[in-house]
Structure formats: structure tokens, C-alpha cells
C-alpha atoms as a PDB file:
ATOM      1  CA  UNK A   1      73.287 156.895  14.852  1.00  0.00           C
ATOM      2  CA  UNK A   2      73.140 158.745  18.176  1.00  0.00           C
ATOM      3  CA  UNK A   3      70.998 161.730  19.055  1.00  0.00           C
ATOM      4  CA  UNK A   4      72.294 164.764  20.976  1.00  0.00           C
ATOM      5  CA  UNK A   5      71.548 163.067  24.310  1.00  0.00           C
ATOM      6  CA  UNK A   6      73.448 159.925  23.292  1.00  0.00           C
ATOM      7  CA  UNK A   7      70.357 157.778  22.694  1.00  0.00           C
ATOM      8  CA  UNK A   8      70.166 155.639  19.601  1.00  0.00           C
ATOM      9  CA  UNK A   9      67.928 156.840  16.742  1.00  0.00           C
ATOM     10  CA  UNK A  10      67.993 153.409  15.108  1.00  0.00           C
ATOM     11  CA  UNK A  11      64.551 151.996  14.415  1.00  0.00           C
ATOM     12  CA  UNK A  12      64.236 148.307  13.732  1.00  0.00           C
ATOM     13  CA  UNK A  13      62.595 147.732  10.335  1.00  0.00           C
ATOM     14  CA  UNK A  14      59.167 146.139  10.491  1.00  0.00           C
ATOM     15  CA  UNK A  15      58.675 142.575   9.267  1.00  0.00           C
ATOM     16  CA  UNK A  16      58.087 142.180   5.536  1.00  0.00           C
ATOM     17  CA  UNK A  17      54.403 142.633   4.657  1.00  0.00           C
ATOM     18  CA  UNK A  18      52.637 140.312   2.234  1.00  0.00           C
ATOM     19  CA  UNK A  19      52.839 141.293  -1.430  1.00  0.00           C
ATOM     20  CA  UNK A  20      50.091 143.782  -2.276  1.00  0.00           C
ATOM     21  CA  UNK A  21      49.739 145.105   1.284  1.00  0.00           C
ATOM     22  CA  UNK A  22      48.977 148.830   1.461  1.00  0.00           C
ATOM     23  CA  UNK A  23      51.492 150.804   3.511  1.00  0.00           C
ATOM     24  CA  UNK A  24      52.428 154.443   4.150  1.00  0.00           C
ATOM     25  CA  UNK A  25      55.921 155.762   3.406  1.00  0.00           C
ATOM     26  CA  UNK A  26      56.392 158.347   6.171  1.00  0.00           C
ATOM     27  CA  UNK A  27      59.722 159.348   4.644  1.00  0.00           C
ATOM     28  CA  UNK A  28      57.959 160.432   1.451  1.00  0.00           C
ATOM     29  CA  UNK A  29      55.133 162.778   2.510  1.00  0.00           C
ATOM     30  CA  UNK A  30      53.007 159.895   3.892  1.00  0.00           C
ATOM     31  CA  UNK A  31      52.615 158.494   0.385  1.00  0.00           C
ATOM     32  CA  UNK A  32      50.465 155.360   0.243  1.00  0.00           C
ATOM     33  CA  UNK A  33      51.807 152.466  -1.778  1.00  0.00           C
ATOM     34  CA  UNK A  34      51.385 148.778  -2.389  1.00  0.00           C
ATOM     35  CA  UNK A  35      54.263 146.605  -1.179  1.00  0.00           C
ATOM     36  CA  UNK A  36      55.891 144.926  -4.192  1.00  0.00           C
ATOM     37  CA  UNK A  37      59.039 143.386  -2.685  1.00  0.00           C
ATOM     38  CA  UNK A  38      62.556 144.370  -1.753  1.00  0.00           C
ATOM     39  CA  UNK A  39      65.313 146.040  -3.731  1.00  0.00           C
ATOM     40  CA  UNK A  40      68.538 145.847  -1.759  1.00  0.00           C
ATOM     41  CA  UNK A  41      67.970 147.550   1.594  1.00  0.00           C
ATOM     42  CA  UNK A  42      64.778 149.257   0.381  1.00  0.00           C
ATOM     43  CA  UNK A  43      61.178 148.176  -0.021  1.00  0.00           C
ATOM     44  CA  UNK A  44      59.628 148.640  -3.446  1.00  0.00           C
ATOM     45  CA  UNK A  45      56.282 150.386  -3.243  1.00  0.00           C
ATOM     46  CA  UNK A  46      53.891 151.120  -6.104  1.00  0.00           C
ATOM     47  CA  UNK A  47      51.253 153.852  -6.177  1.00  0.00           C
ATOM     48  CA  UNK A  48      47.749 152.392  -5.837  1.00  0.00           C
ATOM     49  CA  UNK A  49      46.594 154.247  -8.988  1.00  0.00           C
ATOM     50  CA  UNK A  50      49.516 152.857 -10.977  1.00  0.00           C
ATOM     51  CA  UNK A  51      52.805 154.386 -11.935  1.00  0.00           C
ATOM     52  CA  UNK A  52      56.463 153.753 -11.270  1.00  0.00           C
ATOM     53  CA  UNK A  53      57.585 152.032  -8.109  1.00  0.00           C
ATOM     54  CA  UNK A  54      59.770 153.846  -5.611  1.00  0.00           C
ATOM     55  CA  UNK A  55      62.156 152.701  -2.910  1.00  0.00           C
ATOM     56  CA  UNK A  56      61.270 153.296   0.719  1.00  0.00           C
ATOM     57  CA  UNK A  57      63.352 152.843   3.840  1.00  0.00           C
ATOM     58  CA  UNK A  58      61.665 149.996   5.746  1.00  0.00           C
ATOM     59  CA  UNK A  59      62.030 151.739   9.117  1.00  0.00           C
ATOM     60  CA  UNK A  60      59.954 154.656   7.757  1.00  0.00           C
ATOM     61  CA  UNK A  61      57.060 152.514   6.528  1.00  0.00           C
ATOM     62  CA  UNK A  62      53.907 151.843   8.549  1.00  0.00           C
ATOM     63  CA  UNK A  63      50.586 150.097   7.877  1.00  0.00           C
ATOM     64  CA  UNK A  64      47.734 152.193   6.489  1.00  0.00           C
ATOM     65  CA  UNK A  65      44.909 153.183   8.805  1.00  0.00           C
ATOM     66  CA  UNK A  66      41.243 152.687   7.891  1.00  0.00           C
ATOM     67  CA  UNK A  67      40.793 156.156   6.349  1.00  0.00           C
ATOM     68  CA  UNK A  68      43.974 155.856   4.266  1.00  0.00           C
ATOM     69  CA  UNK A  69      42.889 152.426   3.039  1.00  0.00           C
ATOM     70  CA  UNK A  70      39.471 153.746   2.008  1.00  0.00           C
ATOM     71  CA  UNK A  71      40.992 156.712   0.122  1.00  0.00           C
ATOM     72  CA  UNK A  72      43.485 154.450  -1.679  1.00  0.00           C
ATOM     73  CA  UNK A  73      40.862 151.878  -2.651  1.00  0.00           C
ATOM     74  CA  UNK A  74      38.495 154.621  -3.855  1.00  0.00           C
ATOM     75  CA  UNK A  75      41.280 156.196  -5.925  1.00  0.00           C
ATOM     76  CA  UNK A  76      42.060 152.794  -7.474  1.00  0.00           C
ATOM     77  CA  UNK A  77      38.373 152.162  -8.294  1.00  0.00           C
ATOM     78  CA  UNK A  78      38.011 155.636  -9.826  1.00  0.00           C
ATOM     79  CA  UNK A  79      41.128 155.133 -11.965  1.00  0.00           C
ATOM     80  CA  UNK A  80      39.785 151.798 -13.220  1.00  0.00           C
ATOM     81  CA  UNK A  81      36.399 153.351 -14.037  1.00  0.00           C
ATOM     82  CA  UNK A  82      38.202 155.951 -16.179  1.00  0.00           C
ATOM     83  CA  UNK A  83      40.008 153.142 -18.027  1.00  0.00           C
ATOM     84  CA  UNK A  84      43.436 154.065 -16.680  1.00  0.00           C
ATOM     85  CA  UNK A  85      46.073 151.374 -16.723  1.00  0.00           C
ATOM     86  CA  UNK A  86      47.026 150.235 -13.257  1.00  0.00           C
END
């Protein structure tokens, strides 16, 4: 894909993270998910508090930063303390 000035908009997908790695899907409102594997051209991500997986474009996924990791881990701990299934 080319931009208006003729430059390529193609972003190389990042290398596959280890299973369970927390990442941010920038193509989905910066949603934080746990990497679960691949599904065709997409990466399967799962919400840290549980729920259905979703497909993310690998080129739009980035590692979590320290604050995002802390929020996700706190949300997971709170869900467990309430007895929610994860």
C-alpha cells in the first residue's frame, strides 16, 4: 500500500511473542490482551480478565508498557478475588 507521497505504509509484523505475553492491540482501542497463538494471518489475543479471544493484525500489536502491565495484572487479580472465571 502506498501513501499519497508514494511511500510504503507497509509495516513488518513483529516477531511472535511467547504464549501468555501481554501485548496491546493498537488497532482495537489499545486493548490489552494475552498472546494465545496465531489464526491465519492474525494473532489471537485474550482479555486478561477472561472472555473470548479476538484476532489482531500483527503489525498493529506492540508490547505493553509498565503502567499497562500493572493495570492488566491488577485487573486479573481483582477478577480472581471476585471468583470470576478466567
